Amino acid sequence: MVRELYDAKKILVRKGVLPRAQKKRFQRVQTATVSADTKWRIQLPNGVSVECCGAVDGGSLSAILNTVARLE
C-alpha cells in the first residue's frame, strides 16, 4: 500500500500536478545553555521569529513552531 502511494505521487509530479521539490523541513540550529532569565529567538525560513524568555516545555514549543511555520 505504501509503495503504491509513493508511485502515485511520482506520477503526479511527472504530470505537473504536484511540485517537484519539497521545502526542507529541518534547519541547522545553534544551541546554547538557557537559564531562567535568558531571552532567546528562533528565526524560521519563512521570516517569522519566535522570541521567549527562559525555558519552554517541548510540547508547547513544538505547537508554536508548527503553527508559525505554516504562516506566509
PDB file of N, CA and C in Angstrom:
ATOM      1  N   MET A   1       0.817  -1.193   0.000  1.00  0.00           N
ATOM      2  CA  MET A   1       0.000   0.000   0.000  1.00  0.00           C
ATOM      3  C   MET A   1       0.862   1.258   0.000  1.00  0.00           C
ATOM      4  N   VAL A   2       1.885   1.304   0.837  1.00  0.00           N
ATOM      5  CA  VAL A   2       2.742   2.485   0.918  1.00  0.00           C
ATOM      6  C   VAL A   2       3.473   2.690  -0.405  1.00  0.00           C
ATOM      7  N   ARG A   3       3.987   1.624  -0.973  1.00  0.00           N
ATOM      8  CA  ARG A   3       4.707   1.722  -2.257  1.00  0.00           C
ATOM      9  C   ARG A   3       3.804   2.315  -3.342  1.00  0.00           C
ATOM     10  N   GLU A   4       2.535   1.909  -3.361  1.00  0.00           N
ATOM     11  CA  GLU A   4       1.599   2.421  -4.358  1.00  0.00           C
ATOM     12  C   GLU A   4       1.375   3.927  -4.198  1.00  0.00           C
ATOM     13  N   LEU A   5       1.362   4.401  -2.942  1.00  0.00           N
ATOM     14  CA  LEU A   5       1.196   5.839  -2.702  1.00  0.00           C
ATOM     15  C   LEU A   5       2.393   6.623  -3.221  1.00  0.00           C
ATOM     16  N   TYR A   6       3.601   6.125  -2.977  1.00  0.00           N
ATOM     17  CA  TYR A   6       4.804   6.791  -3.484  1.00  0.00           C
ATOM     18  C   TYR A   6       4.827   6.775  -5.013  1.00  0.00           C
ATOM     19  N   ASP A   7       4.442   5.648  -5.613  1.00  0.00           N
ATOM     20  CA  ASP A   7       4.404   5.570  -7.071  1.00  0.00           C
ATOM     21  C   ASP A   7       3.381   6.551  -7.650  1.00  0.00           C
ATOM     22  N   ALA A   8       2.226   6.659  -7.009  1.00  0.00           N
ATOM     23  CA  ALA A   8       1.203   7.599  -7.468  1.00  0.00           C
ATOM     24  C   ALA A   8       1.698   9.039  -7.342  1.00  0.00           C
ATOM     25  N   LYS A   9       2.414   9.325  -6.276  1.00  0.00           N
ATOM     26  CA  LYS A   9       2.959  10.665  -6.089  1.00  0.00           C
ATOM     27  C   LYS A   9       3.946  10.987  -7.206  1.00  0.00           C
ATOM     28  N   LYS A  10       4.812  10.040  -7.553  1.00  0.00           N
ATOM     29  CA  LYS A  10       5.781  10.254  -8.632  1.00  0.00           C
ATOM     30  C   LYS A  10       5.069  10.552  -9.953  1.00  0.00           C
ATOM     31  N   ILE A  11       4.006   9.840 -10.225  1.00  0.00           N
ATOM     32  CA  ILE A  11       3.241  10.063 -11.458  1.00  0.00           C
ATOM     33  C   ILE A  11       2.647  11.473 -11.463  1.00  0.00           C
ATOM     34  N   LEU A  12       2.087  11.906 -10.330  1.00  0.00           N
ATOM     35  CA  LEU A  12       1.509  13.245 -10.247  1.00  0.00           C
ATOM     36  C   LEU A  12       2.572  14.324 -10.391  1.00  0.00           C
ATOM     37  N   VAL A  13       3.761  14.076  -9.875  1.00  0.00           N
ATOM     38  CA  VAL A  13       4.862  15.039 -10.034  1.00  0.00           C
ATOM     39  C   VAL A  13       5.249  15.129 -11.505  1.00  0.00           C
ATOM     40  N   ARG A  14       5.365  13.978 -12.176  1.00  0.00           N
ATOM     41  CA  ARG A  14       5.715  13.975 -13.606  1.00  0.00           C
ATOM     42  C   ARG A  14       4.675  14.697 -14.445  1.00  0.00           C
ATOM     43  N   LYS A  15       3.399  14.599 -14.067  1.00  0.00           N
ATOM     44  CA  LYS A  15       2.328  15.263 -14.806  1.00  0.00           C
ATOM     45  C   LYS A  15       2.216  16.745 -14.463  1.00  0.00           C
ATOM     46  N   GLY A  16       2.954  17.184 -13.454  1.00  0.00           N
ATOM     47  CA  GLY A  16       2.915  18.589 -13.072  1.00  0.00           C
ATOM     48  C   GLY A  16       1.809  18.946 -12.104  1.00  0.00           C
ATOM     49  N   VAL A  17       1.126  17.948 -11.573  1.00  0.00           N
ATOM     50  CA  VAL A  17       0.040  18.197 -10.623  1.00  0.00           C
ATOM     51  C   VAL A  17       0.603  18.560  -9.248  1.00  0.00           C
ATOM     52  N   LEU A  18       1.708  17.928  -8.868  1.00  0.00           N
ATOM     53  CA  LEU A  18       2.394  18.217  -7.602  1.00  0.00           C
ATOM     54  C   LEU A  18       3.742  18.863  -7.896  1.00  0.00           C
ATOM     55  N   PRO A  19       4.213  19.741  -6.985  1.00  0.00           N
ATOM     56  CA  PRO A  19       5.524  20.362  -7.200  1.00  0.00           C
ATOM     57  C   PRO A  19       6.654  19.335  -7.088  1.00  0.00           C
ATOM     58  N   ARG A  20       7.728  19.568  -7.828  1.00  0.00           N
ATOM     59  CA  ARG A  20       8.876  18.648  -7.814  1.00  0.00           C
ATOM     60  C   ARG A  20       9.603  18.644  -6.481  1.00  0.00           C
ATOM     61  N   ALA A  21       9.922  19.812  -5.975  1.00  0.00           N
ATOM     62  CA  ALA A  21      10.739  19.877  -4.762  1.00  0.00           C
ATOM     63  C   ALA A  21       9.893  20.286  -3.563  1.00  0.00           C
ATOM     64  N   GLN A  22      10.143  19.645  -2.469  1.00  0.00           N
ATOM     65  CA  GLN A  22       9.513  19.997  -1.201  1.00  0.00           C
ATOM     66  C   GLN A  22      10.450  20.913  -0.445  1.00  0.00           C
ATOM     67  N   LYS A  23       9.912  21.808   0.349  1.00  0.00           N
ATOM     68  CA  LYS A  23      10.750  22.640   1.206  1.00  0.00           C
ATOM     69  C   LYS A  23      11.411  21.764   2.258  1.00  0.00           C
ATOM     70  N   LYS A  24      12.608  22.141   2.651  1.00  0.00           N
ATOM     71  CA  LYS A  24      13.299  21.405   3.704  1.00  0.00           C
ATOM     72  C   LYS A  24      12.519  21.567   5.005  1.00  0.00           C
ATOM     73  N   ARG A  25      12.347  20.483   5.708  1.00  0.00           N
ATOM     74  CA  ARG A  25      11.602  20.529   6.966  1.00  0.00           C
ATOM     75  C   ARG A  25      12.502  20.817   8.152  1.00  0.00           C
ATOM     76  N   PHE A  26      13.796  20.578   8.010  1.00  0.00           N
ATOM     77  CA  PHE A  26      14.702  20.762   9.127  1.00  0.00           C
ATOM     78  C   PHE A  26      15.744  21.810   8.770  1.00  0.00           C
ATOM     79  N   GLN A  27      16.130  22.572   9.748  1.00  0.00           N
ATOM     80  CA  GLN A  27      17.157  23.586   9.585  1.00  0.00           C
ATOM     81  C   GLN A  27      18.244  23.349  10.621  1.00  0.00           C
ATOM     82  N   ARG A  28      19.464  23.674  10.265  1.00  0.00           N
ATOM     83  CA  ARG A  28      20.572  23.573  11.211  1.00  0.00           C
ATOM     84  C   ARG A  28      20.385  24.662  12.269  1.00  0.00           C
ATOM     85  N   VAL A  29      20.604  24.329  13.521  1.00  0.00           N
ATOM     86  CA  VAL A  29      20.442  25.297  14.609  1.00  0.00           C
ATOM     87  C   VAL A  29      21.685  25.348  15.466  1.00  0.00           C
ATOM     88  N   GLN A  30      21.847  26.451  16.148  1.00  0.00           N
ATOM     89  CA  GLN A  30      22.895  26.580  17.145  1.00  0.00           C
ATOM     90  C   GLN A  30      22.203  26.590  18.492  1.00  0.00           C
ATOM     91  N   THR A  31      22.752  25.859  19.440  1.00  0.00           N
ATOM     92  CA  THR A  31      22.140  25.805  20.760  1.00  0.00           C
ATOM     93  C   THR A  31      23.072  26.427  21.794  1.00  0.00           C
ATOM     94  N   ALA A  32      22.468  26.878  22.855  1.00  0.00           N
ATOM     95  CA  ALA A  32      23.218  27.450  23.967  1.00  0.00           C
ATOM     96  C   ALA A  32      22.506  27.060  25.253  1.00  0.00           C
ATOM     97  N   THR A  33      23.196  27.137  26.350  1.00  0.00           N
ATOM     98  CA  THR A  33      22.590  26.865  27.647  1.00  0.00           C
ATOM     99  C   THR A  33      21.574  27.961  27.952  1.00  0.00           C
ATOM    100  N   VAL A  34      20.392  27.561  28.378  1.00  0.00           N
ATOM    101  CA  VAL A  34      19.323  28.522  28.658  1.00  0.00           C
ATOM    102  C   VAL A  34      19.056  28.550  30.156  1.00  0.00           C
ATOM    103  N   SER A  35      19.159  29.720  30.748  1.00  0.00           N
ATOM    104  CA  SER A  35      18.810  29.863  32.154  1.00  0.00           C
ATOM    105  C   SER A  35      17.414  30.484  32.239  1.00  0.00           C
ATOM    106  N   ALA A  36      16.892  30.575  33.431  1.00  0.00           N
ATOM    107  CA  ALA A  36      15.524  31.065  33.624  1.00  0.00           C
ATOM    108  C   ALA A  36      15.341  32.505  33.153  1.00  0.00           C
ATOM    109  N   ASP A  37      16.395  33.303  33.148  1.00  0.00           N
ATOM    110  CA  ASP A  37      16.257  34.704  32.748  1.00  0.00           C
ATOM    111  C   ASP A  37      16.820  34.988  31.351  1.00  0.00           C
ATOM    112  N   THR A  38      17.110  33.948  30.584  1.00  0.00           N
ATOM    113  CA  THR A  38      17.680  34.116  29.260  1.00  0.00           C
ATOM    114  C   THR A  38      16.592  34.385  28.225  1.00  0.00           C
ATOM    115  N   LYS A  39      16.821  35.385  27.361  1.00  0.00           N
ATOM    116  CA  LYS A  39      15.938  35.624  26.223  1.00  0.00           C
ATOM    117  C   LYS A  39      16.501  34.865  25.040  1.00  0.00           C
ATOM    118  N   TRP A  40      15.624  34.256  24.246  1.00  0.00           N
ATOM    119  CA  TRP A  40      16.081  33.556  23.060  1.00  0.00           C
ATOM    120  C   TRP A  40      15.122  33.796  21.908  1.00  0.00           C
ATOM    121  N   ARG A  41      15.612  33.543  20.679  1.00  0.00           N
ATOM    122  CA  ARG A  41      14.812  33.790  19.479  1.00  0.00           C
ATOM    123  C   ARG A  41      15.102  32.702  18.456  1.00  0.00           C
ATOM    124  N   ILE A  42      14.044  32.256  17.779  1.00  0.00           N
ATOM    125  CA  ILE A  42      14.168  31.298  16.677  1.00  0.00           C
ATOM    126  C   ILE A  42      13.679  32.001  15.426  1.00  0.00           C
ATOM    127  N   GLN A  43      14.531  32.055  14.396  1.00  0.00           N
ATOM    128  CA  GLN A  43      14.173  32.655  13.111  1.00  0.00           C
ATOM    129  C   GLN A  43      13.863  31.522  12.144  1.00  0.00           C
ATOM    130  N   LEU A  44      12.627  31.489  11.625  1.00  0.00           N
ATOM    131  CA  LEU A  44      12.215  30.441  10.701  1.00  0.00           C
ATOM    132  C   LEU A  44      12.480  30.859   9.261  1.00  0.00           C
ATOM    133  N   PRO A  45      12.607  29.880   8.343  1.00  0.00           N
ATOM    134  CA  PRO A  45      12.881  30.203   6.939  1.00  0.00           C
ATOM    135  C   PRO A  45      11.828  31.103   6.288  1.00  0.00           C
ATOM    136  N   ASN A  46      10.583  31.086   6.797  1.00  0.00           N
ATOM    137  CA  ASN A  46       9.541  31.926   6.216  1.00  0.00           C
ATOM    138  C   ASN A  46       9.596  33.366   6.727  1.00  0.00           C
ATOM    139  N   GLY A  47      10.623  33.697   7.529  1.00  0.00           N
ATOM    140  CA  GLY A  47      10.806  35.058   8.012  1.00  0.00           C
ATOM    141  C   GLY A  47      10.198  35.337   9.374  1.00  0.00           C
ATOM    142  N   VAL A  48       9.441  34.407   9.923  1.00  0.00           N
ATOM    143  CA  VAL A  48       8.801  34.591  11.221  1.00  0.00           C
ATOM    144  C   VAL A  48       9.806  34.314  12.332  1.00  0.00           C
ATOM    145  N   SER A  49       9.811  35.146  13.352  1.00  0.00           N
ATOM    146  CA  SER A  49      10.668  34.949  14.522  1.00  0.00           C
ATOM    147  C   SER A  49       9.796  34.618  15.727  1.00  0.00           C
ATOM    148  N   VAL A  50      10.282  33.715  16.555  1.00  0.00           N
ATOM    149  CA  VAL A  50       9.623  33.371  17.811  1.00  0.00           C
ATOM    150  C   VAL A  50      10.598  33.748  18.920  1.00  0.00           C
ATOM    151  N   GLU A  51      10.172  34.613  19.831  1.00  0.00           N
ATOM    152  CA  GLU A  51      11.019  35.039  20.937  1.00  0.00           C
ATOM    153  C   GLU A  51      10.390  34.651  22.255  1.00  0.00           C
ATOM    154  N   CYS A  52      11.237  34.319  23.227  1.00  0.00           N
ATOM    155  CA  CYS A  52      10.741  33.916  24.534  1.00  0.00           C
ATOM    156  C   CYS A  52      11.814  34.199  25.579  1.00  0.00           C
ATOM    157  N   CYS A  53      11.408  34.228  26.817  1.00  0.00           N
ATOM    158  CA  CYS A  53      12.339  34.371  27.940  1.00  0.00           C
ATOM    159  C   CYS A  53      12.297  33.085  28.753  1.00  0.00           C
ATOM    160  N   GLY A  54      13.456  32.518  29.023  1.00  0.00           N
ATOM    161  CA  GLY A  54      13.534  31.342  29.871  1.00  0.00           C
ATOM    162  C   GLY A  54      13.178  30.055  29.156  1.00  0.00           C
ATOM    163  N   ALA A  55      12.908  29.051  29.938  1.00  0.00           N
ATOM    164  CA  ALA A  55      12.644  27.711  29.418  1.00  0.00           C
ATOM    165  C   ALA A  55      11.192  27.560  28.984  1.00  0.00           C
ATOM    166  N   VAL A  56      10.978  26.745  27.960  1.00  0.00           N
ATOM    167  CA  VAL A  56       9.646  26.406  27.464  1.00  0.00           C
ATOM    168  C   VAL A  56       9.611  24.894  27.301  1.00  0.00           C
ATOM    169  N   ASP A  57       8.507  24.268  27.683  1.00  0.00           N
ATOM    170  CA  ASP A  57       8.442  22.812  27.548  1.00  0.00           C
ATOM    171  C   ASP A  57       8.357  22.429  26.067  1.00  0.00           C
ATOM    172  N   GLY A  58       8.832  21.239  25.754  1.00  0.00           N
ATOM    173  CA  GLY A  58       8.919  20.777  24.374  1.00  0.00           C
ATOM    174  C   GLY A  58       7.596  20.745  23.637  1.00  0.00           C
ATOM    175  N   GLY A  59       6.527  20.352  24.308  1.00  0.00           N
ATOM    176  CA  GLY A  59       5.214  20.291  23.660  1.00  0.00           C
ATOM    177  C   GLY A  59       4.717  21.657  23.229  1.00  0.00           C
ATOM    178  N   SER A  60       4.886  22.627  24.100  1.00  0.00           N
ATOM    179  CA  SER A  60       4.456  23.992  23.770  1.00  0.00           C
ATOM    180  C   SER A  60       5.298  24.566  22.643  1.00  0.00           C
ATOM    181  N   LEU A  61       6.597  24.372  22.709  1.00  0.00           N
ATOM    182  CA  LEU A  61       7.480  24.885  21.661  1.00  0.00           C
ATOM    183  C   LEU A  61       7.153  24.239  20.321  1.00  0.00           C
ATOM    184  N   SER A  62       6.906  22.941  20.322  1.00  0.00           N
ATOM    185  CA  SER A  62       6.550  22.231  19.093  1.00  0.00           C
ATOM    186  C   SER A  62       5.259  22.789  18.496  1.00  0.00           C
ATOM    187  N   ALA A  63       4.244  23.005  19.321  1.00  0.00           N
ATOM    188  CA  ALA A  63       2.970  23.550  18.835  1.00  0.00           C
ATOM    189  C   ALA A  63       3.152  24.946  18.249  1.00  0.00           C
ATOM    190  N   ILE A  64       3.930  25.771  18.926  1.00  0.00           N
ATOM    191  CA  ILE A  64       4.166  27.138  18.449  1.00  0.00           C
ATOM    192  C   ILE A  64       4.908  27.109  17.120  1.00  0.00           C
ATOM    193  N   LEU A  65       5.988  26.339  17.030  1.00  0.00           N
ATOM    194  CA  LEU A  65       6.781  26.300  15.807  1.00  0.00           C
ATOM    195  C   LEU A  65       5.999  25.709  14.634  1.00  0.00           C
ATOM    196  N   ASN A  66       5.213  24.674  14.881  1.00  0.00           N
ATOM    197  CA  ASN A  66       4.391  24.108  13.808  1.00  0.00           C
ATOM    198  C   ASN A  66       3.380  25.122  13.291  1.00  0.00           C
ATOM    199  N   THR A  67       2.820  25.910  14.174  1.00  0.00           N
ATOM    200  CA  THR A  67       1.834  26.911  13.772  1.00  0.00           C
ATOM    201  C   THR A  67       2.468  28.023  12.950  1.00  0.00           C
ATOM    202  N   VAL A  68       3.557  28.604  13.455  1.00  0.00           N
ATOM    203  CA  VAL A  68       4.169  29.737  12.745  1.00  0.00           C
ATOM    204  C   VAL A  68       4.889  29.288  11.480  1.00  0.00           C
ATOM    205  N   ALA A  69       5.299  28.039  11.384  1.00  0.00           N
ATOM    206  CA  ALA A  69       5.943  27.542  10.159  1.00  0.00           C
ATOM    207  C   ALA A  69       4.984  27.556   8.987  1.00  0.00           C
ATOM    208  N   ARG A  70       3.694  27.470   9.248  1.00  0.00           N
ATOM    209  CA  ARG A  70       2.681  27.473   8.180  1.00  0.00           C
ATOM    210  C   ARG A  70       2.349  28.875   7.681  1.00  0.00           C
ATOM    211  N   LEU A  71       2.767  29.892   8.412  1.00  0.00           N
ATOM    212  CA  LEU A  71       2.478  31.276   8.021  1.00  0.00           C
ATOM    213  C   LEU A  71       3.317  31.669   6.815  1.00  0.00           C
ATOM    214  N   GLU A  72       2.746  32.495   5.964  1.00  0.00           N
ATOM    215  CA  GLU A  72       3.500  33.003   4.816  1.00  0.00           C
ATOM    216  C   GLU A  72       3.458  34.494   4.769  1.00  0.00           C
TER     217      GLU A  72
END
